[in-house]
Structures are given as C-alpha cells and as structure tokens.
Amino acid sequence: AVGDHRDVWDLSQGTTDIVCGWVCVLGAARAIMESHYKPLRTIRFVLFTGEEQGLLGSFAYVKHHKAEMADHVAMLTVDNGQGPIVGLEMGGHADLIPAVEQFTKSVQAFGKLSVNDNAVFDTDTGPFILGGIPGINMNQDSPDYRYTHHSNVDSFDKVKTETLDQDATVMALAAFWIADRPERLGTAWSPERTANMLVEQHQAALLKAVGLWPFGNMAEEPNQPNP
C-alpha cells in the first residue's frame, strides 16, 4: 500500500502538512499507470484522513482489511513537509535492510538514500507496524518544515515543484520495486515478534501510555517483570 493524509488545512491550505504527500501518492500512481508496466503484485494507493486525531484513517484501514493484512508486503508514506526523500525507515524490520539497500543503490541519481530499521509511530505507518507489516516512512530533508508546520503560512506558494516531482518519482520506483520482486520482500510478522521488536526499540512504554499497545503481556520492557 502507498498512502498519505492531509492535516491542517483549516489554518491555511496545508501545503507542506501534508498536501505535498498527497501529491506524491497521486503522482506515483500516475507515473506507474502511464508507464504501462504492470507489477507482479497489486499496488493499492490510499488517501487517509484523521491522522492528527490519532491515526484514525490508517487504523480504520488496517481494521477493515484485517483478514487480508498478511497479503500486504509493505506500506510506504511521506510525512515531513516537501523536502527531498533522503532515507527509508523500515518500521522495525531490520531483516529487510540488505535487500532495500540494493534498491537504494539503483536510484542514486536522486541522491543517497539511507536505510534503517526505525519504527515511526507519529504517522500512518504506525497501524501497519502494529499489524506486523513493514510500515516504511520515506524520511525527508525538510529544514523549513518547522516554519510552515501547523501554521497559517502553510500555503500553496511554498510548493517546490522540482522536489515534488523527485519525491513522487522515488515513491513510484520504491513501490514498483517492492511489488515487482520475484520473491516477496518479506512476510507479515507474528504479534509476538512485533511486540519484541517494539520493546527492543523502546517504543512499548509510549504505546501503552497512549492506549495503542495491542499485545497484552507478550513482551515486557527490560527490568520490568510481569506484575
């Protein structure tokens, strides 16, 4: 799945937060369609809502498609303004890094892309990660984002069309590469494996504090035995 959301349009046009993300998703979809190449697997493009209110749209998607989540290979999103994509954060799935690094080497014309296993929960990748799916955040270099984020100056004049074109292209290439691999990039993790990864990344305490921990006592933080 390839998806994004729109946030703070009520303050202005919400250009960098995150209409630019919608444009990347739609641009990626258009690029793949107009290439006339058909990947081996389905690519589903989704525009979520309610991210600022608690990832409502992406949680609703995961809940609605629960029976088929094991068929999902990955989820891609951008959510950091409109700077160029500089890295892929693999949602805790460190086992996929070597394969993804091979992909990033093939797109160096768009700049060097780093790959790490960070699990990002402040965007729509979160519900997919909890569902055992690699929620891949396409990290961006957006130093001006702090000046427009959640403000009344987040207007259409902030658009940088060349950057949008580049990000949509990188998103399209990544989505197609994942969907067209002869072998699946990875398989959905069990709840136990996901819970253990989140403990290792020190995410469990926060998820429990905000009521988003679905794993009960499957895993415990170090030095915190079961009550």
C-alpha atoms as a PDB file:
ATOM      1  CA  ALA A   1       0.000   0.000   0.000  1.00  0.00           C
ATOM      2  CA  VAL A   2       1.101   3.563  -0.714  1.00  0.00           C
ATOM      3  CA  GLY A   3      -0.643   6.220   1.338  1.00  0.00           C
ATOM      4  CA  ASP A   4      -0.667   9.635   2.959  1.00  0.00           C
ATOM      5  CA  HIS A   5      -3.015  12.042   4.718  1.00  0.00           C
ATOM      6  CA  ARG A   6      -3.975  15.701   4.906  1.00  0.00           C
ATOM      7  CA  ASP A   7      -3.682  17.550   8.205  1.00  0.00           C
ATOM      8  CA  VAL A   8      -4.020  21.216   8.991  1.00  0.00           C
ATOM      9  CA  TRP A   9      -5.878  22.651   6.029  1.00  0.00           C
ATOM     10  CA  ASP A  10      -8.089  24.630   8.445  1.00  0.00           C
ATOM     11  CA  LEU A  11      -5.215  27.037   9.211  1.00  0.00           C
ATOM     12  CA  SER A  12      -4.218  27.563   5.579  1.00  0.00           C
ATOM     13  CA  GLN A  13      -4.003  25.361   2.502  1.00  0.00           C
ATOM     14  CA  GLY A  14      -1.917  22.781   4.404  1.00  0.00           C
ATOM     15  CA  THR A  15       0.587  22.593   1.573  1.00  0.00           C
ATOM     16  CA  THR A  16       3.600  21.162   3.379  1.00  0.00           C
ATOM     17  CA  ASP A  17       1.477  19.375   6.021  1.00  0.00           C
ATOM     18  CA  ILE A  18       0.797  17.440   4.055  1.00  0.00           C
ATOM     19  CA  VAL A  19      -0.869  18.122   0.718  1.00  0.00           C
ATOM     20  CA  CYS A  20       2.570  17.575  -0.780  1.00  0.00           C
ATOM     21  CA  GLY A  21       2.325  13.995   0.483  1.00  0.00           C
ATOM     22  CA  TRP A  22      -0.999  13.521  -1.307  1.00  0.00           C
ATOM     23  CA  VAL A  23       0.613  14.870  -4.469  1.00  0.00           C
ATOM     24  CA  CYS A  24       3.451  12.342  -4.097  1.00  0.00           C
ATOM     25  CA  VAL A  25       0.988   9.463  -3.750  1.00  0.00           C
ATOM     26  CA  LEU A  26      -1.118  10.580  -6.706  1.00  0.00           C
ATOM     27  CA  GLY A  27       1.993  11.375  -8.748  1.00  0.00           C
ATOM     28  CA  ALA A  28       3.423   7.929  -8.025  1.00  0.00           C
ATOM     29  CA  ALA A  29       0.155   6.302  -9.065  1.00  0.00           C
ATOM     30  CA  ARG A  30       0.047   8.317 -12.278  1.00  0.00           C
ATOM     31  CA  ALA A  31       3.680   7.547 -13.125  1.00  0.00           C
ATOM     32  CA  ILE A  32       3.150   3.803 -12.712  1.00  0.00           C
ATOM     33  CA  MET A  33      -0.097   3.817 -14.677  1.00  0.00           C
ATOM     34  CA  GLU A  34       1.388   5.836 -17.523  1.00  0.00           C
ATOM     35  CA  SER A  35       4.474   3.620 -17.691  1.00  0.00           C
ATOM     36  CA  HIS A  36       2.188   0.792 -18.894  1.00  0.00           C
ATOM     37  CA  TYR A  37       4.278  -1.670 -16.857  1.00  0.00           C
ATOM     38  CA  LYS A  38       2.269  -3.993 -14.635  1.00  0.00           C
ATOM     39  CA  PRO A  39       3.965  -5.238 -11.452  1.00  0.00           C
ATOM     40  CA  LEU A  40       3.623  -8.817 -10.265  1.00  0.00           C
ATOM     41  CA  ARG A  41       1.634  -7.702  -7.215  1.00  0.00           C
ATOM     42  CA  THR A  42      -1.135  -5.182  -6.665  1.00  0.00           C
ATOM     43  CA  ILE A  43      -0.215  -1.670  -5.530  1.00  0.00           C
ATOM     44  CA  ARG A  44      -3.015  -0.025  -3.579  1.00  0.00           C
ATOM     45  CA  PHE A  45      -2.962   3.786  -3.283  1.00  0.00           C
ATOM     46  CA  VAL A  46      -4.776   5.193  -0.243  1.00  0.00           C
ATOM     47  CA  LEU A  47      -5.507   8.733   0.940  1.00  0.00           C
ATOM     48  CA  PHE A  48      -6.145   8.655   4.681  1.00  0.00           C
ATOM     49  CA  THR A  49      -7.744  11.238   6.930  1.00  0.00           C
ATOM     50  CA  GLY A  50      -7.821  11.802  10.695  1.00  0.00           C
ATOM     51  CA  GLU A  51      -4.071  11.356  11.213  1.00  0.00           C
ATOM     52  CA  GLU A  52      -3.818  14.301  13.593  1.00  0.00           C
ATOM     53  CA  GLN A  53      -6.722  12.941  15.631  1.00  0.00           C
ATOM     54  CA  GLY A  54      -4.973   9.629  16.361  1.00  0.00           C
ATOM     55  CA  LEU A  55      -4.155   7.933  13.043  1.00  0.00           C
ATOM     56  CA  LEU A  56      -7.885   7.306  12.625  1.00  0.00           C
ATOM     57  CA  GLY A  57      -7.840   6.727   8.877  1.00  0.00           C
ATOM     58  CA  SER A  58      -4.921   4.324   8.807  1.00  0.00           C
ATOM     59  CA  PHE A  59      -6.203   2.437  11.863  1.00  0.00           C
ATOM     60  CA  ALA A  60      -9.591   2.124  10.132  1.00  0.00           C
ATOM     61  CA  TYR A  61      -7.888   0.769   7.008  1.00  0.00           C
ATOM     62  CA  VAL A  62      -5.952  -1.862   8.954  1.00  0.00           C
ATOM     63  CA  LYS A  63      -9.076  -2.867  10.880  1.00  0.00           C
ATOM     64  CA  HIS A  64     -11.234  -3.053   7.743  1.00  0.00           C
ATOM     65  CA  HIS A  65      -8.631  -5.140   5.911  1.00  0.00           C
ATOM     66  CA  LYS A  66      -7.592  -7.275   8.890  1.00  0.00           C
ATOM     67  CA  ALA A  67      -8.379 -10.532   7.110  1.00  0.00           C
ATOM     68  CA  GLU A  68      -6.016  -9.685   4.266  1.00  0.00           C
ATOM     69  CA  MET A  69      -3.209  -7.925   6.123  1.00  0.00           C
ATOM     70  CA  ALA A  70      -0.966 -10.984   5.750  1.00  0.00           C
ATOM     71  CA  ASP A  71      -1.135 -10.393   1.990  1.00  0.00           C
ATOM     72  CA  HIS A  72       0.279  -6.876   2.365  1.00  0.00           C
ATOM     73  CA  VAL A  73       4.007  -6.678   1.675  1.00  0.00           C
ATOM     74  CA  ALA A  74       4.695  -3.142   2.937  1.00  0.00           C
ATOM     75  CA  MET A  75       3.244   0.338   3.375  1.00  0.00           C
ATOM     76  CA  LEU A  76       5.001   3.479   2.115  1.00  0.00           C
ATOM     77  CA  THR A  77       4.367   7.059   3.191  1.00  0.00           C
ATOM     78  CA  VAL A  78       5.946  10.527   3.307  1.00  0.00           C
ATOM     79  CA  ASP A  79       5.061  12.925   6.125  1.00  0.00           C
ATOM     80  CA  ASN A  80       7.761  15.518   6.664  1.00  0.00           C
ATOM     81  CA  GLY A  81       6.994  18.524   4.525  1.00  0.00           C
ATOM     82  CA  GLN A  82       8.188  18.623   0.966  1.00  0.00           C
ATOM     83  CA  GLY A  83      11.926  18.185   1.215  1.00  0.00           C
ATOM     84  CA  PRO A  84      13.670  15.524  -0.857  1.00  0.00           C
ATOM     85  CA  ILE A  85      13.444  11.922   0.307  1.00  0.00           C
ATOM     86  CA  VAL A  86      16.761  11.004   1.932  1.00  0.00           C
ATOM     87  CA  GLY A  87      16.091   7.672   3.595  1.00  0.00           C
ATOM     88  CA  LEU A  88      13.795   4.728   4.213  1.00  0.00           C
ATOM     89  CA  GLU A  89      12.832   3.832   7.791  1.00  0.00           C
ATOM     90  CA  MET A  90      11.768   0.196   7.729  1.00  0.00           C
ATOM     91  CA  GLY A  91       9.343   0.068  10.639  1.00  0.00           C
ATOM     92  CA  GLY A  92      11.493  -2.208  12.763  1.00  0.00           C
ATOM     93  CA  HIS A  93      12.040  -4.819  10.037  1.00  0.00           C
ATOM     94  CA  ALA A  94      15.826  -4.839  10.144  1.00  0.00           C
ATOM     95  CA  ASP A  95      15.905  -8.116   8.227  1.00  0.00           C
ATOM     96  CA  LEU A  96      14.816  -6.248   5.093  1.00  0.00           C
ATOM     97  CA  ILE A  97      17.617  -3.677   5.143  1.00  0.00           C
ATOM     98  CA  PRO A  98      20.102  -5.581   2.915  1.00  0.00           C
ATOM     99  CA  ALA A  99      17.535  -6.033   0.139  1.00  0.00           C
ATOM    100  CA  VAL A 100      16.334  -2.434   0.345  1.00  0.00           C
ATOM    101  CA  GLU A 101      19.910  -1.144   0.249  1.00  0.00           C
ATOM    102  CA  GLN A 102      20.269  -2.870  -3.116  1.00  0.00           C
ATOM    103  CA  PHE A 103      17.289  -0.826  -4.304  1.00  0.00           C
ATOM    104  CA  THR A 104      18.694   2.451  -2.988  1.00  0.00           C
ATOM    105  CA  LYS A 105      21.948   1.833  -4.843  1.00  0.00           C
ATOM    106  CA  SER A 106      19.975   1.688  -8.072  1.00  0.00           C
ATOM    107  CA  VAL A 107      18.403   5.139  -7.602  1.00  0.00           C
ATOM    108  CA  GLN A 108      21.466   7.159  -6.620  1.00  0.00           C
ATOM    109  CA  ALA A 109      20.643   9.649  -9.362  1.00  0.00           C
ATOM    110  CA  PHE A 110      18.149  11.059  -6.856  1.00  0.00           C
ATOM    111  CA  GLY A 111      20.743  11.344  -4.108  1.00  0.00           C
ATOM    112  CA  LYS A 112      21.988   8.966  -1.457  1.00  0.00           C
ATOM    113  CA  LEU A 113      19.205   7.213   0.440  1.00  0.00           C
ATOM    114  CA  SER A 114      19.958   5.778   3.856  1.00  0.00           C
ATOM    115  CA  VAL A 115      18.133   2.717   5.229  1.00  0.00           C
ATOM    116  CA  ASN A 116      17.493   1.974   8.899  1.00  0.00           C
ATOM    117  CA  ASP A 117      15.040  -0.051  10.971  1.00  0.00           C
ATOM    118  CA  ASN A 118      13.362   2.824  12.839  1.00  0.00           C
ATOM    119  CA  ALA A 119       9.709   2.197  13.679  1.00  0.00           C
ATOM    120  CA  VAL A 120       7.899   5.538  13.190  1.00  0.00           C
ATOM    121  CA  PHE A 121       4.577   5.922  15.009  1.00  0.00           C
ATOM    122  CA  ASP A 122       3.741   9.604  14.546  1.00  0.00           C
ATOM    123  CA  THR A 123       2.365   8.976  11.063  1.00  0.00           C
ATOM    124  CA  ASP A 124       0.247   6.445   9.171  1.00  0.00           C
ATOM    125  CA  THR A 125       2.958   3.782   9.242  1.00  0.00           C
ATOM    126  CA  GLY A 126       2.090   3.068  12.893  1.00  0.00           C
ATOM    127  CA  PRO A 127      -1.041   0.921  12.480  1.00  0.00           C
ATOM    128  CA  PHE A 128       0.661  -1.187   9.814  1.00  0.00           C
ATOM    129  CA  ILE A 129       3.687  -1.771  12.044  1.00  0.00           C
ATOM    130  CA  LEU A 130       1.385  -2.936  14.842  1.00  0.00           C
ATOM    131  CA  GLY A 131      -0.169  -5.298  12.304  1.00  0.00           C
ATOM    132  CA  GLY A 132       3.196  -6.895  11.551  1.00  0.00           C
ATOM    133  CA  ILE A 133       3.680  -5.126   8.222  1.00  0.00           C
ATOM    134  CA  PRO A 134       6.774  -3.045   7.355  1.00  0.00           C
ATOM    135  CA  GLY A 135       5.459   0.500   7.680  1.00  0.00           C
ATOM    136  CA  ILE A 136       8.117   2.325   5.676  1.00  0.00           C
ATOM    137  CA  ASN A 137       8.490   6.030   6.363  1.00  0.00           C
ATOM    138  CA  MET A 138      10.237   7.790   3.492  1.00  0.00           C
ATOM    139  CA  ASN A 139      12.214  10.292   5.532  1.00  0.00           C
ATOM    140  CA  GLN A 140      12.804  13.747   4.061  1.00  0.00           C
ATOM    141  CA  ASP A 141      15.254  16.609   4.449  1.00  0.00           C
ATOM    142  CA  SER A 142      12.840  19.462   5.183  1.00  0.00           C
ATOM    143  CA  PRO A 143      14.593  22.124   7.278  1.00  0.00           C
ATOM    144  CA  ASP A 144      11.916  24.738   6.512  1.00  0.00           C
ATOM    145  CA  TYR A 145       9.096  22.474   7.650  1.00  0.00           C
ATOM    146  CA  ARG A 146       9.200  23.832  11.206  1.00  0.00           C
ATOM    147  CA  TYR A 147       8.282  27.289   9.900  1.00  0.00           C
ATOM    148  CA  THR A 148       5.188  26.137   7.993  1.00  0.00           C
ATOM    149  CA  HIS A 149       4.048  23.114  10.015  1.00  0.00           C
ATOM    150  CA  HIS A 150       0.683  23.774  11.728  1.00  0.00           C
ATOM    151  CA  SER A 151       0.656  27.424  10.776  1.00  0.00           C
ATOM    152  CA  ASN A 152      -1.319  29.904   8.692  1.00  0.00           C
ATOM    153  CA  VAL A 153       1.603  30.352   6.285  1.00  0.00           C
ATOM    154  CA  ASP A 154       1.371  26.756   5.017  1.00  0.00           C
ATOM    155  CA  SER A 155       0.117  27.980   1.672  1.00  0.00           C
ATOM    156  CA  PHE A 156       0.456  26.995  -1.970  1.00  0.00           C
ATOM    157  CA  ASP A 157       3.308  29.434  -2.606  1.00  0.00           C
ATOM    158  CA  LYS A 158       5.549  27.098  -0.570  1.00  0.00           C
ATOM    159  CA  VAL A 159       5.393  24.398  -3.255  1.00  0.00           C
ATOM    160  CA  LYS A 160       8.699  23.364  -4.812  1.00  0.00           C
ATOM    161  CA  THR A 161       7.640  21.569  -7.959  1.00  0.00           C
ATOM    162  CA  GLU A 162      11.028  20.024  -8.728  1.00  0.00           C
ATOM    163  CA  THR A 163      11.179  18.455  -5.274  1.00  0.00           C
ATOM    164  CA  LEU A 164       7.625  17.137  -5.593  1.00  0.00           C
ATOM    165  CA  ASP A 165       8.451  15.585  -8.951  1.00  0.00           C
ATOM    166  CA  GLN A 166      11.529  13.917  -7.487  1.00  0.00           C
ATOM    167  CA  ASP A 167       9.751  12.584  -4.399  1.00  0.00           C
ATOM    168  CA  ALA A 168       6.838  11.218  -6.432  1.00  0.00           C
ATOM    169  CA  THR A 169       9.344   9.500  -8.714  1.00  0.00           C
ATOM    170  CA  VAL A 170      11.251   7.921  -5.823  1.00  0.00           C
ATOM    171  CA  MET A 171       7.979   6.786  -4.235  1.00  0.00           C
ATOM    172  CA  ALA A 172       6.820   5.268  -7.534  1.00  0.00           C
ATOM    173  CA  LEU A 173      10.114   3.459  -8.053  1.00  0.00           C
ATOM    174  CA  ALA A 174      10.141   2.100  -4.495  1.00  0.00           C
ATOM    175  CA  ALA A 175       6.523   0.932  -4.702  1.00  0.00           C
ATOM    176  CA  PHE A 176       7.042  -0.741  -8.069  1.00  0.00           C
ATOM    177  CA  TRP A 177      10.275  -2.388  -6.942  1.00  0.00           C
ATOM    178  CA  ILE A 178       8.573  -3.859  -3.868  1.00  0.00           C
ATOM    179  CA  ALA A 179       5.572  -5.040  -5.886  1.00  0.00           C
ATOM    180  CA  ASP A 180       7.530  -6.495  -8.795  1.00  0.00           C
ATOM    181  CA  ARG A 181      10.170  -8.545  -6.950  1.00  0.00           C
ATOM    182  CA  PRO A 182      10.178 -12.236  -7.941  1.00  0.00           C
ATOM    183  CA  GLU A 183      10.162 -13.037  -4.226  1.00  0.00           C
ATOM    184  CA  ARG A 184       8.206 -11.184  -1.563  1.00  0.00           C
ATOM    185  CA  LEU A 185      10.238  -8.521   0.200  1.00  0.00           C
ATOM    186  CA  GLY A 186       9.111 -10.041   3.477  1.00  0.00           C
ATOM    187  CA  THR A 187       6.232 -11.679   5.313  1.00  0.00           C
ATOM    188  CA  ALA A 188       3.913 -10.329   7.983  1.00  0.00           C
ATOM    189  CA  TRP A 189       5.315 -10.785  11.484  1.00  0.00           C
ATOM    190  CA  SER A 190       3.526 -12.528  14.301  1.00  0.00           C
ATOM    191  CA  PRO A 191       2.244 -10.376  17.178  1.00  0.00           C
ATOM    192  CA  GLU A 192       4.953 -11.852  19.420  1.00  0.00           C
ATOM    193  CA  ARG A 193       7.762 -10.880  17.059  1.00  0.00           C
ATOM    194  CA  THR A 194       6.351  -7.390  16.569  1.00  0.00           C
ATOM    195  CA  ALA A 195       5.946  -6.880  20.319  1.00  0.00           C
ATOM    196  CA  ASN A 196       9.527  -7.951  20.990  1.00  0.00           C
ATOM    197  CA  MET A 197      10.835  -5.589  18.300  1.00  0.00           C
ATOM    198  CA  LEU A 198       8.920  -2.668  19.797  1.00  0.00           C
ATOM    199  CA  VAL A 199      10.340  -3.421  23.232  1.00  0.00           C
ATOM    200  CA  GLU A 200      13.846  -3.508  21.767  1.00  0.00           C
ATOM    201  CA  GLN A 201      13.214  -0.125  20.127  1.00  0.00           C
ATOM    202  CA  HIS A 202      11.884   1.284  23.431  1.00  0.00           C
ATOM    203  CA  GLN A 203       8.504   2.037  21.874  1.00  0.00           C
ATOM    204  CA  ALA A 204       6.370  -0.147  24.141  1.00  0.00           C
ATOM    205  CA  ALA A 205       6.086   2.217  27.104  1.00  0.00           C
ATOM    206  CA  LEU A 206       4.826   5.098  24.979  1.00  0.00           C
ATOM    207  CA  LEU A 207       2.375   2.909  23.070  1.00  0.00           C
ATOM    208  CA  LYS A 208       0.996   1.580  26.339  1.00  0.00           C
ATOM    209  CA  ALA A 209       0.737   5.085  27.792  1.00  0.00           C
ATOM    210  CA  VAL A 210      -1.392   6.299  24.869  1.00  0.00           C
ATOM    211  CA  GLY A 211      -3.502   3.144  24.719  1.00  0.00           C
ATOM    212  CA  LEU A 212      -2.125   1.806  21.446  1.00  0.00           C
ATOM    213  CA  TRP A 213      -0.437  -1.373  22.734  1.00  0.00           C
ATOM    214  CA  PRO A 214      -2.447  -4.364  21.411  1.00  0.00           C
ATOM    215  CA  PHE A 215      -0.152  -7.138  22.619  1.00  0.00           C
ATOM    216  CA  GLY A 216      -1.061  -7.539  26.284  1.00  0.00           C
ATOM    217  CA  ASN A 217       1.857  -9.112  28.182  1.00  0.00           C
ATOM    218  CA  MET A 218       3.535 -10.687  25.155  1.00  0.00           C
ATOM    219  CA  ALA A 219       6.684  -8.661  25.809  1.00  0.00           C
ATOM    220  CA  GLU A 220       7.935  -6.591  28.695  1.00  0.00           C
ATOM    221  CA  GLU A 221      10.475  -3.806  28.899  1.00  0.00           C
ATOM    222  CA  PRO A 222      13.810  -4.931  30.374  1.00  0.00           C
ATOM    223  CA  ASN A 223      13.837  -4.921  34.170  1.00  0.00           C
ATOM    224  CA  GLN A 224      10.052  -4.684  34.223  1.00  0.00           C
ATOM    225  CA  PRO A 225       8.759  -8.155  35.195  1.00  0.00           C
ATOM    226  CA  ASN A 226       5.133  -9.158  34.897  1.00  0.00           C
ATOM    227  CA  PRO A 227       3.049  -7.871  37.806  1.00  0.00           C
END
